Amino acid sequence: MKVIEKPVVFECEGVQLIGIVHIPERPLAAGILAVAAGGIQYRVGCGRQLLSLARNLAAHGTPVMRFDHRGMGDSVGELLGFQYMDADLQSAIDVFKENVPELLHIVLFGGCEAASGIMISAHQLASVKSLILANPWVNDSMNAVVSRRHYYQRLGDPLFWKKLITFQYNLLEYASGFFSYAKDKIVGLISHSNNSFDESPEPTVPFQDRMLSGFQKFNGPVLFLKSGLSLISEEFDHLVDTSKPWHKAYSRAGVKRLELPSADQTFSTAAARKEMCEAVTNWMDEVNTVHVTDEKR
């Protein structure tokens, strides 16, 4: 199918943002607005994943717009970060709809920090009906997941037990490290279990809690893409497994999880990008045949 790739320059609160709209010759009613993520990065290698995805989808009739929010990539302005993308997303949605009048159903796509920002903001955007979230970011430090992986793997290692019983380890130091790790996780679990998120989140609220609050308020279908080789993905899973509010929101009807065991955080290999593109294409087929049809009735 013939596809036009149209560069767009548009304003968001007085600054210029840059995007590309992929417009198929015969656009389907559901389209994807893809948000670049991961901080400042080169647009080569794994950074081309959004281009690969957009061209693949547009060739099958799905309109796509990919853009940089303020302070990212080619867009100007102050870098406010993924927690404050509401205005950027709304401006991009307006431009997307102007360029593709056939749009009835907008799906937000983002990975890592962009996925986290989408979870915070999506419920406030009336035109957004579905989400695709790849390996959301939930931890400012990888220390927790690295520590957990270290201790779990050591317990299953025969060499560890041999050194332990022959006193080759400093037991006090090792025990201190383990209990420090355990204490941090228990405190975090209690904090998340006791919190309720009925009130509107404020900027001072931890971004993980704002993610949960926004996710709880979003009522449309959601697809989570989970990379098997990603520590960030593992940390998100741990949060969901150890927090009752997170687990409840994640387990509700309409939320689907797709495992990509050989993929890393950024789908950096050709095989992982192909698998990711196929997964999103299949999801969009379902959106167009089921959800858009229901909305037209």
C-alpha atoms as a PDB file:
ATOM      1  CA  MET A   1       0.000   0.000   0.000  1.00  0.00           C
ATOM      2  CA  LYS A   2       1.242   3.486  -0.850  1.00  0.00           C
ATOM      3  CA  VAL A   3       2.247   5.485   2.231  1.00  0.00           C
ATOM      4  CA  ILE A   4       3.055   9.178   2.600  1.00  0.00           C
ATOM      5  CA  GLU A   5       5.593  10.115   5.290  1.00  0.00           C
ATOM      6  CA  LYS A   6       4.822  13.715   6.204  1.00  0.00           C
ATOM      7  CA  PRO A   7       7.038  15.785   8.542  1.00  0.00           C
ATOM      8  CA  VAL A   8       5.068  18.059  10.870  1.00  0.00           C
ATOM      9  CA  VAL A   9       6.077  21.007  13.042  1.00  0.00           C
ATOM     10  CA  PHE A  10       3.554  21.985  15.698  1.00  0.00           C
ATOM     11  CA  GLU A  11       3.353  24.009  18.882  1.00  0.00           C
ATOM     12  CA  CYS A  12       3.000  22.959  22.480  1.00  0.00           C
ATOM     13  CA  GLU A  13       2.756  25.768  25.015  1.00  0.00           C
ATOM     14  CA  GLY A  14       4.770  28.122  22.848  1.00  0.00           C
ATOM     15  CA  VAL A  15       7.561  25.785  21.705  1.00  0.00           C
ATOM     16  CA  GLN A  16       7.964  23.764  18.516  1.00  0.00           C
ATOM     17  CA  LEU A  17       7.680  19.987  18.450  1.00  0.00           C
ATOM     18  CA  ILE A  18       8.716  17.744  15.570  1.00  0.00           C
ATOM     19  CA  GLY A  19       6.952  14.638  14.310  1.00  0.00           C
ATOM     20  CA  ILE A  20       6.431  12.379  11.300  1.00  0.00           C
ATOM     21  CA  VAL A  21       2.973  11.203  10.212  1.00  0.00           C
ATOM     22  CA  HIS A  22       2.799   7.955   8.218  1.00  0.00           C
ATOM     23  CA  ILE A  23      -0.413   8.168   6.171  1.00  0.00           C
ATOM     24  CA  PRO A  24      -1.527   5.039   4.273  1.00  0.00           C
ATOM     25  CA  GLU A  25      -3.402   5.414   1.001  1.00  0.00           C
ATOM     26  CA  ARG A  26      -6.457   3.867   2.673  1.00  0.00           C
ATOM     27  CA  PRO A  27      -6.137   4.590   6.414  1.00  0.00           C
ATOM     28  CA  LEU A  28      -7.834   2.348   8.929  1.00  0.00           C
ATOM     29  CA  ALA A  29      -9.892   3.948  11.694  1.00  0.00           C
ATOM     30  CA  ALA A  30      -7.419   3.066  14.469  1.00  0.00           C
ATOM     31  CA  GLY A  31      -3.991   4.692  14.485  1.00  0.00           C
ATOM     32  CA  ILE A  32      -0.927   4.746  16.711  1.00  0.00           C
ATOM     33  CA  LEU A  33       0.679   7.803  18.290  1.00  0.00           C
ATOM     34  CA  ALA A  34       4.209   6.692  19.206  1.00  0.00           C
ATOM     35  CA  VAL A  35       6.278   8.608  21.761  1.00  0.00           C
ATOM     36  CA  ALA A  36      10.077   8.541  21.618  1.00  0.00           C
ATOM     37  CA  ALA A  37      11.609   7.455  24.933  1.00  0.00           C
ATOM     38  CA  GLY A  38      14.776   6.732  26.859  1.00  0.00           C
ATOM     39  CA  GLY A  39      16.223  10.200  27.345  1.00  0.00           C
ATOM     40  CA  ILE A  40      18.639  11.737  24.877  1.00  0.00           C
ATOM     41  CA  GLN A  41      19.728   9.052  22.399  1.00  0.00           C
ATOM     42  CA  TYR A  42      20.999   8.568  18.861  1.00  0.00           C
ATOM     43  CA  ARG A  43      18.410   7.809  16.178  1.00  0.00           C
ATOM     44  CA  VAL A  44      20.336   4.837  14.791  1.00  0.00           C
ATOM     45  CA  GLY A  45      20.554   1.188  15.757  1.00  0.00           C
ATOM     46  CA  CYS A  46      17.930   0.330  18.382  1.00  0.00           C
ATOM     47  CA  GLY A  47      16.740   3.946  18.196  1.00  0.00           C
ATOM     48  CA  ARG A  48      15.195   3.136  14.811  1.00  0.00           C
ATOM     49  CA  GLN A  49      12.621   0.804  16.316  1.00  0.00           C
ATOM     50  CA  LEU A  50       9.807   3.369  16.013  1.00  0.00           C
ATOM     51  CA  LEU A  51      10.633   3.938  12.348  1.00  0.00           C
ATOM     52  CA  SER A  52      10.563   0.181  11.681  1.00  0.00           C
ATOM     53  CA  LEU A  53       7.280  -0.143  13.547  1.00  0.00           C
ATOM     54  CA  ALA A  54       5.662   2.841  11.813  1.00  0.00           C
ATOM     55  CA  ARG A  55       6.579   1.710   8.309  1.00  0.00           C
ATOM     56  CA  ASN A  56       5.457  -1.836   8.986  1.00  0.00           C
ATOM     57  CA  LEU A  57       2.090  -0.756  10.359  1.00  0.00           C
ATOM     58  CA  ALA A  58       1.442   1.897   7.701  1.00  0.00           C
ATOM     59  CA  ALA A  59       2.089  -0.660   4.958  1.00  0.00           C
ATOM     60  CA  HIS A  60      -0.854  -2.605   6.418  1.00  0.00           C
ATOM     61  CA  GLY A  61      -3.143   0.437   6.580  1.00  0.00           C
ATOM     62  CA  THR A  62      -2.554   1.670  10.144  1.00  0.00           C
ATOM     63  CA  PRO A  63      -1.766   5.406  10.299  1.00  0.00           C
ATOM     64  CA  VAL A  64       1.086   6.247  12.666  1.00  0.00           C
ATOM     65  CA  MET A  65       2.494   9.448  14.072  1.00  0.00           C
ATOM     66  CA  ARG A  66       5.807   9.422  15.946  1.00  0.00           C
ATOM     67  CA  PHE A  67       7.078  12.510  17.700  1.00  0.00           C
ATOM     68  CA  ASP A  68       9.522  13.945  20.232  1.00  0.00           C
ATOM     69  CA  HIS A  69       8.081  15.643  23.290  1.00  0.00           C
ATOM     70  CA  ARG A  70       9.596  18.890  24.598  1.00  0.00           C
ATOM     71  CA  GLY A  71      13.351  18.829  25.080  1.00  0.00           C
ATOM     72  CA  MET A  72      13.720  15.473  23.306  1.00  0.00           C
ATOM     73  CA  GLY A  73      15.386  14.702  19.989  1.00  0.00           C
ATOM     74  CA  ASP A  74      14.474  17.267  17.339  1.00  0.00           C
ATOM     75  CA  SER A  75      11.918  19.109  19.476  1.00  0.00           C
ATOM     76  CA  VAL A  76      12.909  22.243  21.388  1.00  0.00           C
ATOM     77  CA  GLY A  77      11.937  23.563  24.801  1.00  0.00           C
ATOM     78  CA  GLU A  78      12.792  22.563  28.335  1.00  0.00           C
ATOM     79  CA  LEU A  79      13.053  18.835  29.017  1.00  0.00           C
ATOM     80  CA  LEU A  80      10.327  18.389  31.633  1.00  0.00           C
ATOM     81  CA  GLY A  81      10.517  14.613  31.538  1.00  0.00           C
ATOM     82  CA  PHE A  82       8.084  11.761  31.062  1.00  0.00           C
ATOM     83  CA  GLN A  83       6.004  12.719  34.115  1.00  0.00           C
ATOM     84  CA  TYR A  84       4.764  15.887  32.431  1.00  0.00           C
ATOM     85  CA  MET A  85       3.754  14.874  28.894  1.00  0.00           C
ATOM     86  CA  ASP A  86       0.037  15.736  29.069  1.00  0.00           C
ATOM     87  CA  ALA A  87       0.225  18.886  26.952  1.00  0.00           C
ATOM     88  CA  ASP A  88       2.712  17.331  24.507  1.00  0.00           C
ATOM     89  CA  LEU A  89       0.457  14.331  23.936  1.00  0.00           C
ATOM     90  CA  GLN A  90      -2.650  16.467  23.444  1.00  0.00           C
ATOM     91  CA  SER A  91      -0.880  18.711  20.918  1.00  0.00           C
ATOM     92  CA  ALA A  92       0.348  15.658  19.002  1.00  0.00           C
ATOM     93  CA  ILE A  93      -3.130  14.086  19.051  1.00  0.00           C
ATOM     94  CA  ASP A  94      -4.636  17.246  17.530  1.00  0.00           C
ATOM     95  CA  VAL A  95      -2.048  17.273  14.720  1.00  0.00           C
ATOM     96  CA  PHE A  96      -2.496  13.531  14.104  1.00  0.00           C
ATOM     97  CA  LYS A  97      -6.263  13.938  13.712  1.00  0.00           C
ATOM     98  CA  GLU A  98      -5.840  16.940  11.423  1.00  0.00           C
ATOM     99  CA  ASN A  99      -3.630  14.927   9.094  1.00  0.00           C
ATOM    100  CA  VAL A 100      -5.683  11.725   9.231  1.00  0.00           C
ATOM    101  CA  PRO A 101      -9.391  12.700   9.386  1.00  0.00           C
ATOM    102  CA  GLU A 102     -10.393   9.020   9.243  1.00  0.00           C
ATOM    103  CA  LEU A 103      -9.074   8.432  12.777  1.00  0.00           C
ATOM    104  CA  LEU A 104     -11.678   7.266  15.278  1.00  0.00           C
ATOM    105  CA  HIS A 105      -9.490   5.374  17.739  1.00  0.00           C
ATOM    106  CA  ILE A 106      -6.031   6.502  18.876  1.00  0.00           C
ATOM    107  CA  VAL A 107      -3.627   4.045  20.480  1.00  0.00           C
ATOM    108  CA  LEU A 108      -0.688   5.440  22.460  1.00  0.00           C
ATOM    109  CA  PHE A 109       2.556   3.485  22.111  1.00  0.00           C
ATOM    110  CA  GLY A 110       5.618   3.949  24.291  1.00  0.00           C
ATOM    111  CA  GLY A 111       8.491   2.037  25.824  1.00  0.00           C
ATOM    112  CA  CYS A 112      10.459   2.520  29.036  1.00  0.00           C
ATOM    113  CA  GLU A 113       9.971   6.105  30.326  1.00  0.00           C
ATOM    114  CA  ALA A 114       7.467   6.888  27.562  1.00  0.00           C
ATOM    115  CA  ALA A 115       5.321   3.955  28.710  1.00  0.00           C
ATOM    116  CA  SER A 116       5.452   5.308  32.262  1.00  0.00           C
ATOM    117  CA  GLY A 117       4.436   8.782  31.080  1.00  0.00           C
ATOM    118  CA  ILE A 118       1.571   7.358  29.050  1.00  0.00           C
ATOM    119  CA  MET A 119       0.273   5.509  32.114  1.00  0.00           C
ATOM    120  CA  ILE A 120       0.249   8.806  34.001  1.00  0.00           C
ATOM    121  CA  SER A 121      -1.444  10.881  31.308  1.00  0.00           C
ATOM    122  CA  ALA A 122      -3.629   8.684  29.063  1.00  0.00           C
ATOM    123  CA  HIS A 123      -6.821   8.775  31.121  1.00  0.00           C
ATOM    124  CA  GLN A 124      -6.998  12.568  30.677  1.00  0.00           C
ATOM    125  CA  LEU A 125      -6.948  12.397  26.855  1.00  0.00           C
ATOM    126  CA  ALA A 126     -10.435  11.859  25.446  1.00  0.00           C
ATOM    127  CA  SER A 127      -9.299  10.670  22.009  1.00  0.00           C
ATOM    128  CA  VAL A 128      -7.083   7.901  23.394  1.00  0.00           C
ATOM    129  CA  LYS A 129      -8.885   4.561  23.440  1.00  0.00           C
ATOM    130  CA  SER A 130      -6.079   1.977  23.838  1.00  0.00           C
ATOM    131  CA  LEU A 131      -2.476   1.679  25.051  1.00  0.00           C
ATOM    132  CA  ILE A 132       0.567  -0.366  24.061  1.00  0.00           C
ATOM    133  CA  LEU A 133       3.205  -0.266  26.804  1.00  0.00           C
ATOM    134  CA  ALA A 134       6.645  -1.829  26.404  1.00  0.00           C
ATOM    135  CA  ASN A 135       8.666  -2.456  29.573  1.00  0.00           C
ATOM    136  CA  PRO A 136       7.522   0.514  31.704  1.00  0.00           C
ATOM    137  CA  TRP A 137      10.115   2.207  33.923  1.00  0.00           C
ATOM    138  CA  VAL A 138       9.287   2.089  37.652  1.00  0.00           C
ATOM    139  CA  ASN A 139      12.593   2.375  39.498  1.00  0.00           C
ATOM    140  CA  ASP A 140      15.110   5.220  39.625  1.00  0.00           C
ATOM    141  CA  SER A 141      17.835   2.683  40.428  1.00  0.00           C
ATOM    142  CA  MET A 142      18.508  -0.850  39.256  1.00  0.00           C
ATOM    143  CA  ASN A 143      20.050  -1.757  42.625  1.00  0.00           C
ATOM    144  CA  ALA A 144      16.929  -3.552  43.827  1.00  0.00           C
ATOM    145  CA  VAL A 145      16.474  -5.854  40.865  1.00  0.00           C
ATOM    146  CA  VAL A 146      20.208  -6.547  40.553  1.00  0.00           C
ATOM    147  CA  SER A 147      20.357  -7.428  44.264  1.00  0.00           C
ATOM    148  CA  ARG A 148      17.322  -9.691  44.020  1.00  0.00           C
ATOM    149  CA  ARG A 149      18.701 -11.524  40.996  1.00  0.00           C
ATOM    150  CA  HIS A 150      22.076 -11.892  42.741  1.00  0.00           C
ATOM    151  CA  TYR A 151      20.661 -13.409  45.943  1.00  0.00           C
ATOM    152  CA  TYR A 152      18.193 -15.725  44.197  1.00  0.00           C
ATOM    153  CA  GLN A 153      20.837 -17.071  41.829  1.00  0.00           C
ATOM    154  CA  ARG A 154      23.344 -17.589  44.633  1.00  0.00           C
ATOM    155  CA  LEU A 155      20.903 -19.745  46.613  1.00  0.00           C
ATOM    156  CA  GLY A 156      20.737 -22.190  43.695  1.00  0.00           C
ATOM    157  CA  ASP A 157      24.497 -22.292  43.114  1.00  0.00           C
ATOM    158  CA  PRO A 158      26.258 -25.404  44.614  1.00  0.00           C
ATOM    159  CA  LEU A 159      29.579 -23.536  44.699  1.00  0.00           C
ATOM    160  CA  PHE A 160      27.982 -20.889  46.940  1.00  0.00           C
ATOM    161  CA  TRP A 161      26.937 -23.529  49.492  1.00  0.00           C
ATOM    162  CA  LYS A 162      30.350 -25.200  49.359  1.00  0.00           C
ATOM    163  CA  LYS A 163      32.099 -21.907  50.122  1.00  0.00           C
ATOM    164  CA  LEU A 164      29.525 -21.124  52.808  1.00  0.00           C
ATOM    165  CA  ILE A 165      30.024 -24.328  54.815  1.00  0.00           C
ATOM    166  CA  THR A 166      33.822 -24.097  54.505  1.00  0.00           C
ATOM    167  CA  PHE A 167      33.765 -20.555  55.927  1.00  0.00           C
ATOM    168  CA  GLN A 168      35.159 -18.912  52.769  1.00  0.00           C
ATOM    169  CA  TYR A 169      32.586 -16.128  53.096  1.00  0.00           C
ATOM    170  CA  ASN A 170      32.345 -13.340  55.655  1.00  0.00           C
ATOM    171  CA  LEU A 171      28.949 -14.446  56.961  1.00  0.00           C
ATOM    172  CA  LEU A 172      28.240 -11.286  58.914  1.00  0.00           C
ATOM    173  CA  GLU A 173      28.879  -9.088  55.860  1.00  0.00           C
ATOM    174  CA  TYR A 174      26.833 -11.335  53.578  1.00  0.00           C
ATOM    175  CA  ALA A 175      23.936 -11.548  56.039  1.00  0.00           C
ATOM    176  CA  SER A 176      23.992  -7.796  56.555  1.00  0.00           C
ATOM    177  CA  GLY A 177      23.706  -7.206  52.817  1.00  0.00           C
ATOM    178  CA  PHE A 178      20.841  -9.671  52.469  1.00  0.00           C
ATOM    179  CA  PHE A 179      18.830  -8.284  55.392  1.00  0.00           C
ATOM    180  CA  SER A 180      19.367  -4.727  54.164  1.00  0.00           C
ATOM    181  CA  TYR A 181      17.951  -5.747  50.814  1.00  0.00           C
ATOM    182  CA  ALA A 182      15.043  -7.594  52.453  1.00  0.00           C
ATOM    183  CA  LYS A 183      14.240  -4.620  54.712  1.00  0.00           C
ATOM    184  CA  ASP A 184      14.057  -2.237  51.736  1.00  0.00           C
ATOM    185  CA  LYS A 185      11.665  -4.546  49.873  1.00  0.00           C
ATOM    186  CA  ILE A 186       9.407  -5.069  52.922  1.00  0.00           C
ATOM    187  CA  VAL A 187       9.169  -1.317  53.534  1.00  0.00           C
ATOM    188  CA  GLY A 188       8.305  -0.780  49.862  1.00  0.00           C
ATOM    189  CA  LEU A 189       5.685  -3.522  49.953  1.00  0.00           C
ATOM    190  CA  ILE A 190       3.982  -2.072  53.031  1.00  0.00           C
ATOM    191  CA  SER A 191       4.002   1.397  51.501  1.00  0.00           C
ATOM    192  CA  HIS A 192       2.381   0.260  48.257  1.00  0.00           C
ATOM    193  CA  SER A 193      -0.140  -2.021  49.996  1.00  0.00           C
ATOM    194  CA  ASN A 194      -1.351   0.718  52.327  1.00  0.00           C
ATOM    195  CA  ASN A 195      -1.723   3.454  49.717  1.00  0.00           C
ATOM    196  CA  SER A 196      -5.047   4.228  48.087  1.00  0.00           C
ATOM    197  CA  PHE A 197      -5.151   6.267  44.924  1.00  0.00           C
ATOM    198  CA  ASP A 198      -8.652   7.679  44.763  1.00  0.00           C
ATOM    199  CA  GLU A 199      -7.510  11.293  44.890  1.00  0.00           C
ATOM    200  CA  SER A 200      -5.991  13.121  41.944  1.00  0.00           C
ATOM    201  CA  PRO A 201      -2.195  12.751  41.954  1.00  0.00           C
ATOM    202  CA  GLU A 202      -0.097  15.815  42.669  1.00  0.00           C
ATOM    203  CA  PRO A 203       3.345  16.565  41.184  1.00  0.00           C
ATOM    204  CA  THR A 204       4.962  15.801  44.558  1.00  0.00           C
ATOM    205  CA  VAL A 205       3.561  12.249  44.582  1.00  0.00           C
ATOM    206  CA  PRO A 206       6.130   9.589  43.528  1.00  0.00           C
ATOM    207  CA  PHE A 207       5.829   8.921  39.819  1.00  0.00           C
ATOM    208  CA  GLN A 208       5.154   5.204  40.422  1.00  0.00           C
ATOM    209  CA  ASP A 209       2.018   6.150  42.376  1.00  0.00           C
ATOM    210  CA  ARG A 210       0.956   8.573  39.636  1.00  0.00           C
ATOM    211  CA  MET A 211       1.413   5.741  37.124  1.00  0.00           C
ATOM    212  CA  LEU A 212      -0.862   3.482  39.152  1.00  0.00           C
ATOM    213  CA  SER A 213      -3.473   6.196  39.643  1.00  0.00           C
ATOM    214  CA  GLY A 214      -3.550   6.985  35.924  1.00  0.00           C
ATOM    215  CA  PHE A 215      -3.617   3.315  34.974  1.00  0.00           C
ATOM    216  CA  GLN A 216      -6.521   2.652  37.348  1.00  0.00           C
ATOM    217  CA  LYS A 217      -8.505   5.455  35.711  1.00  0.00           C
ATOM    218  CA  PHE A 218      -7.902   4.313  32.122  1.00  0.00           C
ATOM    219  CA  ASN A 219     -10.751   2.108  30.910  1.00  0.00           C
ATOM    220  CA  GLY A 220      -9.613   1.017  27.444  1.00  0.00           C
ATOM    221  CA  PRO A 221      -7.736  -2.079  26.241  1.00  0.00           C
ATOM    222  CA  VAL A 222      -4.048  -2.257  27.164  1.00  0.00           C
ATOM    223  CA  LEU A 223      -1.276  -4.410  25.727  1.00  0.00           C
ATOM    224  CA  PHE A 224       1.922  -4.868  27.749  1.00  0.00           C
ATOM    225  CA  LEU A 225       4.999  -6.000  25.826  1.00  0.00           C
ATOM    226  CA  LYS A 226       7.420  -7.700  28.226  1.00  0.00           C
ATOM    227  CA  SER A 227      11.037  -8.335  27.210  1.00  0.00           C
ATOM    228  CA  GLY A 228      12.594 -11.436  28.736  1.00  0.00           C
ATOM    229  CA  LEU A 229      16.113  -9.973  28.806  1.00  0.00           C
ATOM    230  CA  SER A 230      15.199  -6.637  30.394  1.00  0.00           C
ATOM    231  CA  LEU A 231      15.984  -5.836  34.040  1.00  0.00           C
ATOM    232  CA  ILE A 232      13.590  -2.888  33.786  1.00  0.00           C
ATOM    233  CA  SER A 233      10.825  -5.263  32.723  1.00  0.00           C
ATOM    234  CA  GLU A 234      11.698  -7.575  35.620  1.00  0.00           C
ATOM    235  CA  GLU A 235      11.462  -4.706  38.103  1.00  0.00           C
ATOM    236  CA  PHE A 236       8.006  -3.776  36.787  1.00  0.00           C
ATOM    237  CA  ASP A 237       6.877  -7.388  37.201  1.00  0.00           C
ATOM    238  CA  HIS A 238       8.170  -7.385  40.775  1.00  0.00           C
ATOM    239  CA  LEU A 239       6.174  -4.242  41.570  1.00  0.00           C
ATOM    240  CA  VAL A 240       3.006  -5.797  40.151  1.00  0.00           C
ATOM    241  CA  ASP A 241       3.570  -9.056  42.062  1.00  0.00           C
ATOM    242  CA  THR A 242       4.230  -7.409  45.440  1.00  0.00           C
ATOM    243  CA  SER A 243       1.620  -4.631  45.445  1.00  0.00           C
ATOM    244  CA  LYS A 244      -2.074  -5.483  45.778  1.00  0.00           C
ATOM    245  CA  PRO A 245      -3.304  -2.268  44.054  1.00  0.00           C
ATOM    246  CA  TRP A 246      -0.899  -2.807  41.151  1.00  0.00           C
ATOM    247  CA  HIS A 247      -1.804  -6.480  40.850  1.00  0.00           C
ATOM    248  CA  LYS A 248      -5.525  -5.692  40.844  1.00  0.00           C
ATOM    249  CA  ALA A 249      -5.171  -3.030  38.139  1.00  0.00           C
ATOM    250  CA  TYR A 250      -2.879  -5.225  36.040  1.00  0.00           C
ATOM    251  CA  SER A 251      -5.188  -8.256  36.281  1.00  0.00           C
ATOM    252  CA  ARG A 252      -8.405  -6.548  35.208  1.00  0.00           C
ATOM    253  CA  ALA A 253     -10.321  -7.391  32.043  1.00  0.00           C
ATOM    254  CA  GLY A 254      -8.964  -5.745  28.918  1.00  0.00           C
ATOM    255  CA  VAL A 255      -5.315  -5.879  29.990  1.00  0.00           C
ATOM    256  CA  LYS A 256      -3.192  -8.293  27.961  1.00  0.00           C
ATOM    257  CA  ARG A 257       0.434  -9.306  28.479  1.00  0.00           C
ATOM    258  CA  LEU A 258       2.647 -10.602  25.679  1.00  0.00           C
ATOM    259  CA  GLU A 259       6.013 -12.192  26.476  1.00  0.00           C
ATOM    260  CA  LEU A 260       8.969 -11.672  24.132  1.00  0.00           C
ATOM    261  CA  PRO A 261      11.556 -13.964  25.808  1.00  0.00           C
ATOM    262  CA  SER A 262      14.530 -13.184  23.554  1.00  0.00           C
ATOM    263  CA  ALA A 263      14.013  -9.396  23.425  1.00  0.00           C
ATOM    264  CA  ASP A 264      15.941  -6.820  25.432  1.00  0.00           C
ATOM    265  CA  GLN A 265      14.663  -3.479  26.739  1.00  0.00           C
ATOM    266  CA  THR A 266      14.939  -1.669  23.394  1.00  0.00           C
ATOM    267  CA  PHE A 267      14.259  -4.568  20.979  1.00  0.00           C
ATOM    268  CA  SER A 268      17.763  -3.948  19.667  1.00  0.00           C
ATOM    269  CA  THR A 269      18.122  -7.047  17.477  1.00  0.00           C
ATOM    270  CA  ALA A 270      16.488  -7.493  14.077  1.00  0.00           C
ATOM    271  CA  ALA A 271      14.680 -10.591  15.359  1.00  0.00           C
ATOM    272  CA  ALA A 272      13.303  -8.757  18.404  1.00  0.00           C
ATOM    273  CA  ARG A 273      12.144  -5.789  16.305  1.00  0.00           C
ATOM    274  CA  LYS A 274      10.412  -8.155  13.887  1.00  0.00           C
ATOM    275  CA  GLU A 275       8.697  -9.979  16.745  1.00  0.00           C
ATOM    276  CA  MET A 276       7.622  -6.675  18.317  1.00  0.00           C
ATOM    277  CA  CYS A 277       6.268  -5.357  15.000  1.00  0.00           C
ATOM    278  CA  GLU A 278       4.279  -8.550  14.417  1.00  0.00           C
ATOM    279  CA  ALA A 279       2.831  -8.405  17.937  1.00  0.00           C
ATOM    280  CA  VAL A 280       1.707  -4.786  17.532  1.00  0.00           C
ATOM    281  CA  THR A 281       0.301  -5.470  14.035  1.00  0.00           C
ATOM    282  CA  ASN A 282      -1.800  -8.358  15.396  1.00  0.00           C
ATOM    283  CA  TRP A 283      -3.010  -6.179  18.272  1.00  0.00           C
ATOM    284  CA  MET A 284      -4.036  -3.416  15.878  1.00  0.00           C
ATOM    285  CA  ASP A 285      -5.928  -5.932  13.742  1.00  0.00           C
ATOM    286  CA  GLU A 286      -7.912  -6.842  16.855  1.00  0.00           C
ATOM    287  CA  VAL A 287      -8.480  -3.180  17.723  1.00  0.00           C
ATOM    288  CA  ASN A 288      -9.847  -2.456  14.251  1.00  0.00           C
ATOM    289  CA  THR A 289     -12.030  -5.548  13.969  1.00  0.00           C
ATOM    290  CA  VAL A 290     -13.406  -5.598  17.523  1.00  0.00           C
ATOM    291  CA  HIS A 291     -13.112  -2.299  19.377  1.00  0.00           C
ATOM    292  CA  VAL A 292     -13.542   0.140  16.490  1.00  0.00           C
ATOM    293  CA  THR A 293     -16.511  -1.876  15.206  1.00  0.00           C
ATOM    294  CA  ASP A 294     -18.134  -1.666  18.629  1.00  0.00           C
ATOM    295  CA  GLU A 295     -17.531   2.096  18.775  1.00  0.00           C
ATOM    296  CA  LYS A 296     -19.242   2.599  15.407  1.00  0.00           C
ATOM    297  CA  ARG A 297     -22.449   0.900  16.592  1.00  0.00           C
END
